[in-house]
Amino acid sequence: GLFVGRLSEEKGISQLVAAWDGIDESLAIAGTGPLEAALRAEAPTAARFCGWLQAPAIREEMRRSAFLVVPSLSTEQFPMALAEAFSCGLPVITSRSEALQEIVTEGETGLTCAPGNIVDLRTKIDWALAHPQEMARMGRAARARYEQLYSDRTNYDMLMRIYAEADSEMASHARS
């Protein structure tokens, strides 16, 4: 598993570390923040603190991981780590919030849990670790969703359509 983000309360990192207790699989934690010292002191031995990483190193961690965990307690709109995970074909376990549920579809591109609920988060992590083929399938679906909605080419094509529509409207107003 992998966490990428600021090590602060609103990101849900304390709940993730508590949920990971007793799991033998590695949890890579990429980021720094005010909770870092406390987390290092209480983290299970399977947790590996990577510190702050630049984008290429984050992508490398994503390639090595089975899934990304975004256990946010706040209402995040679209965390960059989530888009990066999808681009790497990495499924996501995230908190259920209106914005994040529009991105991560339960059972299709990842799993969702109740924000702040350590038991629910642990249940999803245990399921993910016990079902690697299903998680790999969700990772492929996440990559397809990225290509469909978020890739540079998709955004460029969308922008060109907007320009063409605006140009057409301006031309029709000029004729009237």
N, C-alpha and C. Protein backbone atom coordinates (compact mmCIF):
# COMPACT_ATOMS: atom_id res chain seq x y z
N GLY A 1 0.83 -1.19 0.00
CA GLY A 1 0.00 0.00 0.00
C GLY A 1 0.86 1.25 0.00
N LEU A 2 0.24 2.35 -0.37
CA LEU A 2 0.96 3.62 -0.49
C LEU A 2 0.07 4.77 -0.05
N PHE A 3 0.64 5.70 0.71
CA PHE A 3 0.00 6.96 1.05
C PHE A 3 0.90 8.06 0.53
N VAL A 4 0.31 9.06 -0.14
CA VAL A 4 1.05 10.22 -0.62
C VAL A 4 0.32 11.46 -0.16
N GLY A 5 0.99 12.29 0.61
CA GLY A 5 0.35 13.53 1.05
C GLY A 5 0.97 14.11 2.28
N ARG A 6 0.42 15.22 2.70
CA ARG A 6 0.87 15.91 3.91
C ARG A 6 0.51 15.05 5.13
N LEU A 7 1.43 14.92 6.03
CA LEU A 7 1.20 14.13 7.25
C LEU A 7 0.53 15.03 8.28
N SER A 8 -0.77 15.25 8.05
CA SER A 8 -1.56 16.12 8.92
C SER A 8 -2.91 15.46 9.16
N GLU A 9 -3.57 15.90 10.21
CA GLU A 9 -4.79 15.24 10.69
C GLU A 9 -5.87 15.13 9.61
N GLU A 10 -6.11 16.20 8.85
CA GLU A 10 -7.21 16.18 7.87
C GLU A 10 -7.00 15.17 6.74
N LYS A 11 -5.78 14.71 6.55
CA LYS A 11 -5.49 13.74 5.50
C LYS A 11 -5.82 12.31 5.91
N GLY A 12 -6.13 12.09 7.20
CA GLY A 12 -6.52 10.75 7.66
C GLY A 12 -5.36 9.80 7.84
N ILE A 13 -4.13 10.31 7.86
CA ILE A 13 -2.96 9.45 7.97
C ILE A 13 -2.91 8.72 9.32
N SER A 14 -3.38 9.35 10.39
CA SER A 14 -3.40 8.67 11.70
C SER A 14 -4.31 7.45 11.66
N GLN A 15 -5.46 7.59 11.01
CA GLN A 15 -6.39 6.47 10.89
C GLN A 15 -5.78 5.36 10.03
N LEU A 16 -5.06 5.74 8.98
CA LEU A 16 -4.43 4.73 8.12
C LEU A 16 -3.38 3.96 8.90
N VAL A 17 -2.53 4.65 9.64
CA VAL A 17 -1.49 3.97 10.43
C VAL A 17 -2.14 3.04 11.45
N ALA A 18 -3.21 3.48 12.10
CA ALA A 18 -3.91 2.63 13.07
C ALA A 18 -4.52 1.41 12.38
N ALA A 19 -5.12 1.62 11.20
CA ALA A 19 -5.74 0.51 10.46
C ALA A 19 -4.69 -0.49 9.98
N TRP A 20 -3.47 -0.04 9.72
CA TRP A 20 -2.41 -0.91 9.19
C TRP A 20 -1.78 -1.78 10.28
N ASP A 21 -2.06 -1.50 11.53
CA ASP A 21 -1.47 -2.25 12.64
C ASP A 21 -1.76 -3.75 12.48
N GLY A 22 -0.72 -4.54 12.53
CA GLY A 22 -0.87 -6.00 12.42
C GLY A 22 -0.80 -6.52 11.00
N ILE A 23 -0.69 -5.65 10.02
CA ILE A 23 -0.57 -6.08 8.62
C ILE A 23 0.92 -6.22 8.30
N ASP A 24 1.29 -7.36 7.72
CA ASP A 24 2.69 -7.61 7.39
C ASP A 24 3.14 -6.95 6.09
N GLU A 25 2.20 -6.66 5.22
CA GLU A 25 2.54 -6.03 3.93
C GLU A 25 3.06 -4.62 4.15
N SER A 26 3.95 -4.18 3.27
CA SER A 26 4.57 -2.86 3.38
C SER A 26 3.57 -1.73 3.11
N LEU A 27 3.68 -0.66 3.89
CA LEU A 27 2.95 0.58 3.66
C LEU A 27 3.98 1.68 3.48
N ALA A 28 4.09 2.21 2.27
CA ALA A 28 5.00 3.32 1.99
C ALA A 28 4.25 4.62 2.28
N ILE A 29 4.86 5.50 3.05
CA ILE A 29 4.26 6.78 3.40
C ILE A 29 5.15 7.87 2.83
N ALA A 30 4.66 8.54 1.79
CA ALA A 30 5.42 9.61 1.12
C ALA A 30 4.83 10.95 1.52
N GLY A 31 5.63 11.74 2.21
CA GLY A 31 5.19 13.06 2.62
C GLY A 31 5.81 13.45 3.95
N THR A 32 5.63 14.70 4.30
CA THR A 32 6.09 15.23 5.58
C THR A 32 4.97 16.07 6.16
N GLY A 33 5.11 16.45 7.42
CA GLY A 33 4.09 17.29 8.02
C GLY A 33 4.14 17.24 9.53
N PRO A 34 3.21 17.93 10.17
CA PRO A 34 3.26 18.07 11.63
C PRO A 34 3.10 16.77 12.41
N LEU A 35 2.52 15.74 11.82
CA LEU A 35 2.32 14.48 12.55
C LEU A 35 3.46 13.48 12.34
N GLU A 36 4.47 13.85 11.58
CA GLU A 36 5.50 12.89 11.20
C GLU A 36 6.18 12.22 12.40
N ALA A 37 6.62 12.99 13.38
CA ALA A 37 7.34 12.40 14.53
C ALA A 37 6.43 11.44 15.29
N ALA A 38 5.19 11.84 15.54
CA ALA A 38 4.25 10.98 16.27
C ALA A 38 3.95 9.71 15.48
N LEU A 39 3.77 9.85 14.18
CA LEU A 39 3.47 8.68 13.34
C LEU A 39 4.64 7.71 13.32
N ARG A 40 5.85 8.24 13.22
CA ARG A 40 7.04 7.36 13.22
C ARG A 40 7.13 6.58 14.52
N ALA A 41 6.74 7.21 15.63
CA ALA A 41 6.81 6.56 16.94
C ALA A 41 5.76 5.46 17.09
N GLU A 42 4.60 5.62 16.47
CA GLU A 42 3.51 4.65 16.68
C GLU A 42 3.26 3.73 15.49
N ALA A 43 3.93 3.97 14.38
CA ALA A 43 3.67 3.21 13.16
C ALA A 43 4.08 1.74 13.29
N PRO A 44 3.33 0.87 12.65
CA PRO A 44 3.73 -0.55 12.65
C PRO A 44 5.04 -0.73 11.89
N THR A 45 5.71 -1.84 12.14
CA THR A 45 7.02 -2.07 11.51
C THR A 45 6.92 -2.16 9.99
N ALA A 46 5.76 -2.48 9.46
CA ALA A 46 5.59 -2.58 8.01
C ALA A 46 5.55 -1.20 7.33
N ALA A 47 5.43 -0.14 8.13
CA ALA A 47 5.38 1.22 7.55
C ALA A 47 6.79 1.68 7.21
N ARG A 48 6.90 2.27 6.01
CA ARG A 48 8.20 2.79 5.55
C ARG A 48 8.00 4.27 5.21
N PHE A 49 8.67 5.14 5.93
CA PHE A 49 8.55 6.58 5.71
C PHE A 49 9.55 7.01 4.64
N CYS A 50 9.03 7.58 3.56
CA CYS A 50 9.86 7.96 2.42
C CYS A 50 10.23 9.43 2.44
N GLY A 51 9.56 10.24 3.29
CA GLY A 51 9.78 11.68 3.27
C GLY A 51 9.10 12.30 2.06
N TRP A 52 9.46 13.55 1.80
CA TRP A 52 8.89 14.25 0.64
C TRP A 52 9.58 13.74 -0.62
N LEU A 53 8.78 13.39 -1.63
CA LEU A 53 9.33 12.87 -2.88
C LEU A 53 8.90 13.73 -4.05
N GLN A 54 9.78 13.85 -5.04
CA GLN A 54 9.41 14.54 -6.27
C GLN A 54 8.57 13.59 -7.13
N ALA A 55 7.90 14.15 -8.12
CA ALA A 55 6.95 13.40 -8.95
C ALA A 55 7.52 12.10 -9.51
N PRO A 56 8.72 12.08 -10.09
CA PRO A 56 9.23 10.80 -10.64
C PRO A 56 9.36 9.72 -9.56
N ALA A 57 9.79 10.09 -8.37
CA ALA A 57 9.93 9.11 -7.29
C ALA A 57 8.56 8.64 -6.80
N ILE A 58 7.57 9.53 -6.80
CA ILE A 58 6.20 9.13 -6.42
C ILE A 58 5.67 8.13 -7.43
N ARG A 59 5.87 8.40 -8.72
CA ARG A 59 5.41 7.45 -9.74
C ARG A 59 6.10 6.09 -9.58
N GLU A 60 7.37 6.09 -9.20
CA GLU A 60 8.09 4.83 -8.98
C GLU A 60 7.48 4.07 -7.80
N GLU A 61 7.15 4.77 -6.72
CA GLU A 61 6.48 4.13 -5.58
C GLU A 61 5.12 3.56 -6.02
N MET A 62 4.41 4.29 -6.87
CA MET A 62 3.11 3.83 -7.36
C MET A 62 3.25 2.57 -8.18
N ARG A 63 4.31 2.47 -8.96
CA ARG A 63 4.52 1.27 -9.77
C ARG A 63 4.80 0.04 -8.89
N ARG A 64 5.39 0.28 -7.71
CA ARG A 64 5.73 -0.82 -6.79
C ARG A 64 4.57 -1.20 -5.89
N SER A 65 3.54 -0.37 -5.82
CA SER A 65 2.45 -0.58 -4.86
C SER A 65 1.26 -1.28 -5.48
N ALA A 66 0.48 -1.94 -4.64
CA ALA A 66 -0.73 -2.62 -5.09
C ALA A 66 -1.92 -1.66 -5.14
N PHE A 67 -1.87 -0.61 -4.31
CA PHE A 67 -2.95 0.37 -4.28
C PHE A 67 -2.50 1.61 -3.53
N LEU A 68 -3.18 2.72 -3.80
CA LEU A 68 -2.99 3.98 -3.09
C LEU A 68 -4.11 4.11 -2.07
N VAL A 69 -3.81 4.65 -0.88
CA VAL A 69 -4.84 4.90 0.12
C VAL A 69 -4.95 6.41 0.32
N VAL A 70 -6.17 6.94 0.13
CA VAL A 70 -6.47 8.36 0.33
C VAL A 70 -7.57 8.43 1.39
N PRO A 71 -7.19 8.35 2.69
CA PRO A 71 -8.18 8.26 3.77
C PRO A 71 -8.63 9.62 4.30
N SER A 72 -8.71 10.59 3.44
CA SER A 72 -8.96 11.98 3.83
C SER A 72 -10.20 12.15 4.70
N LEU A 73 -10.07 13.01 5.72
CA LEU A 73 -11.20 13.34 6.59
C LEU A 73 -11.90 14.60 6.11
N SER A 74 -11.20 15.40 5.29
CA SER A 74 -11.77 16.65 4.80
C SER A 74 -12.40 16.43 3.43
N THR A 75 -13.04 17.43 2.92
CA THR A 75 -13.69 17.34 1.62
C THR A 75 -12.71 17.76 0.53
N GLU A 76 -11.87 16.83 0.12
CA GLU A 76 -10.92 17.12 -0.96
C GLU A 76 -11.66 17.04 -2.28
N GLN A 77 -11.32 17.93 -3.19
CA GLN A 77 -11.98 17.95 -4.50
C GLN A 77 -11.36 16.94 -5.46
N PHE A 78 -10.06 17.06 -5.68
CA PHE A 78 -9.40 16.15 -6.62
C PHE A 78 -7.91 16.11 -6.29
N PRO A 79 -7.52 15.26 -5.34
CA PRO A 79 -6.10 15.19 -4.97
C PRO A 79 -5.24 14.76 -6.17
N MET A 80 -4.14 15.46 -6.36
CA MET A 80 -3.25 15.13 -7.48
C MET A 80 -2.74 13.70 -7.39
N ALA A 81 -2.53 13.20 -6.17
CA ALA A 81 -2.05 11.82 -6.02
C ALA A 81 -3.04 10.83 -6.62
N LEU A 82 -4.32 11.15 -6.57
CA LEU A 82 -5.33 10.27 -7.13
C LEU A 82 -5.23 10.23 -8.66
N ALA A 83 -5.09 11.39 -9.28
CA ALA A 83 -4.92 11.43 -10.74
C ALA A 83 -3.65 10.71 -11.15
N GLU A 84 -2.58 10.90 -10.38
CA GLU A 84 -1.30 10.25 -10.68
C GLU A 84 -1.44 8.73 -10.55
N ALA A 85 -2.18 8.28 -9.52
CA ALA A 85 -2.40 6.84 -9.34
C ALA A 85 -3.14 6.26 -10.54
N PHE A 86 -4.21 6.92 -10.95
CA PHE A 86 -4.96 6.45 -12.11
C PHE A 86 -4.07 6.39 -13.34
N SER A 87 -3.20 7.40 -13.53
CA SER A 87 -2.33 7.41 -14.70
C SER A 87 -1.35 6.23 -14.67
N CYS A 88 -1.02 5.76 -13.47
CA CYS A 88 -0.12 4.60 -13.30
C CYS A 88 -0.88 3.28 -13.26
N GLY A 89 -2.20 3.32 -13.41
CA GLY A 89 -2.99 2.09 -13.35
C GLY A 89 -3.07 1.52 -11.94
N LEU A 90 -3.08 2.40 -10.95
CA LEU A 90 -3.11 1.99 -9.56
C LEU A 90 -4.50 2.22 -8.98
N PRO A 91 -5.15 1.17 -8.46
CA PRO A 91 -6.46 1.37 -7.84
C PRO A 91 -6.30 2.14 -6.53
N VAL A 92 -7.41 2.71 -6.05
CA VAL A 92 -7.37 3.59 -4.89
C VAL A 92 -8.39 3.14 -3.85
N ILE A 93 -7.97 3.17 -2.60
CA ILE A 93 -8.90 3.03 -1.47
C ILE A 93 -9.04 4.43 -0.90
N THR A 94 -10.25 4.96 -0.90
CA THR A 94 -10.45 6.33 -0.46
C THR A 94 -11.67 6.48 0.45
N SER A 95 -11.70 7.58 1.15
CA SER A 95 -12.86 7.92 1.97
C SER A 95 -14.01 8.30 1.05
N ARG A 96 -15.20 7.93 1.48
CA ARG A 96 -16.40 8.31 0.73
C ARG A 96 -16.70 9.78 1.00
N SER A 97 -16.58 10.58 -0.02
CA SER A 97 -17.04 11.96 0.02
C SER A 97 -17.65 12.21 -1.35
N GLU A 98 -18.49 13.21 -1.43
CA GLU A 98 -19.18 13.45 -2.70
C GLU A 98 -18.19 13.61 -3.85
N ALA A 99 -17.16 14.43 -3.64
CA ALA A 99 -16.19 14.68 -4.71
C ALA A 99 -15.38 13.43 -5.06
N LEU A 100 -14.90 12.71 -4.04
CA LEU A 100 -14.06 11.55 -4.31
C LEU A 100 -14.86 10.39 -4.88
N GLN A 101 -16.13 10.26 -4.51
CA GLN A 101 -16.96 9.18 -5.06
C GLN A 101 -17.25 9.39 -6.54
N GLU A 102 -17.16 10.63 -7.02
CA GLU A 102 -17.33 10.87 -8.45
C GLU A 102 -16.12 10.39 -9.23
N ILE A 103 -14.98 10.25 -8.55
CA ILE A 103 -13.74 9.84 -9.20
C ILE A 103 -13.49 8.34 -9.03
N VAL A 104 -13.58 7.87 -7.78
CA VAL A 104 -13.34 6.45 -7.48
C VAL A 104 -14.68 5.74 -7.38
N THR A 105 -14.91 4.82 -8.29
CA THR A 105 -16.15 4.04 -8.30
C THR A 105 -15.92 2.73 -7.56
N GLU A 106 -16.71 2.52 -6.51
CA GLU A 106 -16.58 1.32 -5.67
C GLU A 106 -16.62 0.05 -6.51
N GLY A 107 -15.57 -0.77 -6.35
CA GLY A 107 -15.51 -2.04 -7.05
C GLY A 107 -15.11 -1.95 -8.51
N GLU A 108 -14.96 -0.73 -9.02
CA GLU A 108 -14.58 -0.55 -10.43
C GLU A 108 -13.17 0.01 -10.56
N THR A 109 -12.91 1.15 -9.90
CA THR A 109 -11.57 1.76 -9.95
C THR A 109 -10.91 1.77 -8.57
N GLY A 110 -11.61 1.21 -7.58
CA GLY A 110 -11.06 1.16 -6.23
C GLY A 110 -12.14 0.82 -5.22
N LEU A 111 -11.84 1.12 -3.98
CA LEU A 111 -12.74 0.83 -2.87
C LEU A 111 -12.95 2.11 -2.06
N THR A 112 -14.10 2.23 -1.41
CA THR A 112 -14.38 3.41 -0.59
C THR A 112 -14.76 2.98 0.82
N CYS A 113 -14.48 3.86 1.76
CA CYS A 113 -14.82 3.59 3.16
C CYS A 113 -15.33 4.87 3.82
N ALA A 114 -15.95 4.71 4.96
CA ALA A 114 -16.47 5.86 5.70
C ALA A 114 -15.30 6.70 6.23
N PRO A 115 -15.34 8.02 6.05
CA PRO A 115 -14.25 8.88 6.53
C PRO A 115 -14.03 8.71 8.03
N GLY A 116 -12.77 8.48 8.42
CA GLY A 116 -12.42 8.38 9.83
C GLY A 116 -12.73 7.05 10.49
N ASN A 117 -13.36 6.13 9.76
CA ASN A 117 -13.75 4.84 10.34
C ASN A 117 -12.61 3.83 10.13
N ILE A 118 -11.84 3.62 11.19
CA ILE A 118 -10.66 2.75 11.12
C ILE A 118 -11.04 1.31 10.80
N VAL A 119 -12.14 0.82 11.36
CA VAL A 119 -12.57 -0.56 11.12
C VAL A 119 -12.95 -0.74 9.65
N ASP A 120 -13.70 0.20 9.09
CA ASP A 120 -14.09 0.13 7.68
C ASP A 120 -12.87 0.21 6.77
N LEU A 121 -11.94 1.12 7.10
CA LEU A 121 -10.71 1.24 6.32
C LEU A 121 -9.92 -0.06 6.37
N ARG A 122 -9.79 -0.67 7.55
CA ARG A 122 -9.05 -1.93 7.69
C ARG A 122 -9.73 -3.04 6.90
N THR A 123 -11.06 -3.07 6.91
CA THR A 123 -11.80 -4.08 6.14
C THR A 123 -11.47 -3.96 4.66
N LYS A 124 -11.43 -2.73 4.14
CA LYS A 124 -11.12 -2.53 2.72
C LYS A 124 -9.67 -2.90 2.41
N ILE A 125 -8.76 -2.54 3.30
CA ILE A 125 -7.35 -2.89 3.09
C ILE A 125 -7.18 -4.42 3.09
N ASP A 126 -7.80 -5.09 4.08
CA ASP A 126 -7.71 -6.56 4.14
C ASP A 126 -8.26 -7.19 2.87
N TRP A 127 -9.41 -6.67 2.38
CA TRP A 127 -10.00 -7.21 1.17
C TRP A 127 -9.05 -7.01 -0.01
N ALA A 128 -8.49 -5.81 -0.11
CA ALA A 128 -7.57 -5.50 -1.23
C ALA A 128 -6.36 -6.44 -1.21
N LEU A 129 -5.81 -6.67 -0.04
CA LEU A 129 -4.64 -7.54 0.06
C LEU A 129 -4.98 -9.00 -0.24
N ALA A 130 -6.20 -9.40 0.05
CA ALA A 130 -6.64 -10.79 -0.20
C ALA A 130 -7.10 -11.01 -1.63
N HIS A 131 -7.30 -9.94 -2.40
CA HIS A 131 -7.82 -10.05 -3.77
C HIS A 131 -6.95 -9.27 -4.77
N PRO A 132 -5.70 -9.67 -4.94
CA PRO A 132 -4.80 -8.92 -5.82
C PRO A 132 -5.26 -8.89 -7.28
N GLN A 133 -5.89 -9.98 -7.76
CA GLN A 133 -6.34 -9.97 -9.16
C GLN A 133 -7.46 -8.96 -9.36
N GLU A 134 -8.37 -8.89 -8.40
CA GLU A 134 -9.46 -7.92 -8.50
C GLU A 134 -8.92 -6.49 -8.44
N MET A 135 -7.93 -6.27 -7.58
CA MET A 135 -7.33 -4.94 -7.47
C MET A 135 -6.59 -4.59 -8.76
N ALA A 136 -5.93 -5.57 -9.37
CA ALA A 136 -5.24 -5.32 -10.65
C ALA A 136 -6.26 -4.96 -11.73
N ARG A 137 -7.40 -5.64 -11.73
CA ARG A 137 -8.47 -5.30 -12.68
C ARG A 137 -8.95 -3.87 -12.46
N MET A 138 -9.11 -3.49 -11.20
CA MET A 138 -9.53 -2.11 -10.89
C MET A 138 -8.46 -1.12 -11.32
N GLY A 139 -7.20 -1.51 -11.21
CA GLY A 139 -6.11 -0.65 -11.66
C GLY A 139 -6.18 -0.42 -13.17
N ARG A 140 -6.50 -1.47 -13.91
CA ARG A 140 -6.65 -1.31 -15.37
C ARG A 140 -7.83 -0.39 -15.69
N ALA A 141 -8.91 -0.54 -14.93
CA ALA A 141 -10.08 0.34 -15.12
C ALA A 141 -9.74 1.78 -14.75
N ALA A 142 -8.91 1.96 -13.71
CA ALA A 142 -8.49 3.31 -13.32
C ALA A 142 -7.67 3.95 -14.44
N ARG A 143 -6.78 3.18 -15.05
CA ARG A 143 -5.98 3.70 -16.17
C ARG A 143 -6.88 4.07 -17.35
N ALA A 144 -7.86 3.24 -17.64
CA ALA A 144 -8.80 3.53 -18.72
C ALA A 144 -9.59 4.81 -18.42
N ARG A 145 -10.01 4.96 -17.16
CA ARG A 145 -10.73 6.19 -16.76
C ARG A 145 -9.83 7.41 -16.93
N TYR A 146 -8.56 7.27 -16.56
CA TYR A 146 -7.60 8.36 -16.73
C TYR A 146 -7.50 8.74 -18.21
N GLU A 147 -7.34 7.74 -19.06
CA GLU A 147 -7.23 8.02 -20.50
C GLU A 147 -8.49 8.70 -21.02
N GLN A 148 -9.64 8.26 -20.53
CA GLN A 148 -10.92 8.78 -20.99
C GLN A 148 -11.17 10.21 -20.52
N LEU A 149 -10.79 10.51 -19.28
CA LEU A 149 -11.20 11.79 -18.68
C LEU A 149 -10.08 12.77 -18.36
N TYR A 150 -8.88 12.29 -18.07
CA TYR A 150 -7.87 13.17 -17.48
C TYR A 150 -6.57 13.30 -18.25
N SER A 151 -6.37 12.54 -19.30
CA SER A 151 -5.07 12.57 -19.98
C SER A 151 -4.86 13.92 -20.67
N ASP A 152 -3.60 14.22 -20.97
CA ASP A 152 -3.27 15.46 -21.68
C ASP A 152 -4.02 15.55 -23.00
N ARG A 153 -4.07 14.42 -23.73
CA ARG A 153 -4.75 14.40 -25.04
C ARG A 153 -6.24 14.70 -24.88
N THR A 154 -6.88 14.08 -23.89
CA THR A 154 -8.30 14.32 -23.65
C THR A 154 -8.55 15.78 -23.32
N ASN A 155 -7.72 16.35 -22.45
CA ASN A 155 -7.89 17.75 -22.08
C ASN A 155 -7.64 18.68 -23.27
N TYR A 156 -6.66 18.35 -24.10
CA TYR A 156 -6.39 19.15 -25.30
C TYR A 156 -7.58 19.10 -26.26
N ASP A 157 -8.11 17.91 -26.50
CA ASP A 157 -9.26 17.77 -27.40
C ASP A 157 -10.47 18.54 -26.87
N MET A 158 -10.68 18.48 -25.54
CA MET A 158 -11.81 19.19 -24.93
C MET A 158 -11.63 20.70 -25.11
N LEU A 159 -10.42 21.19 -24.90
CA LEU A 159 -10.14 22.62 -25.06
C LEU A 159 -10.35 23.06 -26.51
N MET A 160 -9.93 22.23 -27.46
CA MET A 160 -10.11 22.57 -28.87
C MET A 160 -11.60 22.63 -29.24
N ARG A 161 -12.42 21.72 -28.68
CA ARG A 161 -13.87 21.77 -28.91
C ARG A 161 -14.47 23.05 -28.35
N ILE A 162 -14.02 23.45 -27.18
CA ILE A 162 -14.52 24.69 -26.57
C ILE A 162 -14.15 25.88 -27.45
N TYR A 163 -12.91 25.93 -27.92
CA TYR A 163 -12.49 27.02 -28.82
C TYR A 163 -13.32 27.02 -30.11
N ALA A 164 -13.55 25.85 -30.68
CA ALA A 164 -14.33 25.76 -31.92
C ALA A 164 -15.76 26.24 -31.70
N GLU A 165 -16.36 25.86 -30.58
CA GLU A 165 -17.73 26.32 -30.27
C GLU A 165 -17.76 27.82 -30.07
N ALA A 166 -16.78 28.35 -29.36
CA ALA A 166 -16.72 29.80 -29.12
C ALA A 166 -16.52 30.54 -30.44
N ASP A 167 -15.66 30.01 -31.31
CA ASP A 167 -15.40 30.63 -32.62
C ASP A 167 -16.67 30.61 -33.46
N SER A 168 -17.41 29.49 -33.42
CA SER A 168 -18.66 29.37 -34.17
C SER A 168 -19.70 30.37 -33.66
N GLU A 169 -19.80 30.51 -32.33
CA GLU A 169 -20.75 31.47 -31.76
C GLU A 169 -20.39 32.89 -32.13
N MET A 170 -19.12 33.22 -32.11
CA MET A 170 -18.67 34.57 -32.47
C MET A 170 -18.98 34.85 -33.94
N ALA A 171 -18.79 33.85 -34.79
CA ALA A 171 -19.08 34.03 -36.21
C ALA A 171 -20.56 34.23 -36.45
N SER A 172 -21.41 33.48 -35.72
CA SER A 172 -22.86 33.62 -35.91
C SER A 172 -23.35 34.99 -35.39
N HIS A 173 -22.75 35.49 -34.33
CA HIS A 173 -23.12 36.82 -33.81
C HIS A 173 -22.67 37.90 -34.78
N ALA A 174 -21.55 37.71 -35.43
CA ALA A 174 -21.03 38.71 -36.36
C ALA A 174 -21.93 38.79 -37.60
N ARG A 175 -22.57 37.68 -37.98
CA ARG A 175 -23.44 37.67 -39.16
C ARG A 175 -24.80 38.29 -38.87
N SER A 176 -25.22 38.32 -37.59
CA SER A 176 -26.56 38.82 -37.30
C SER A 176 -26.61 40.30 -37.04
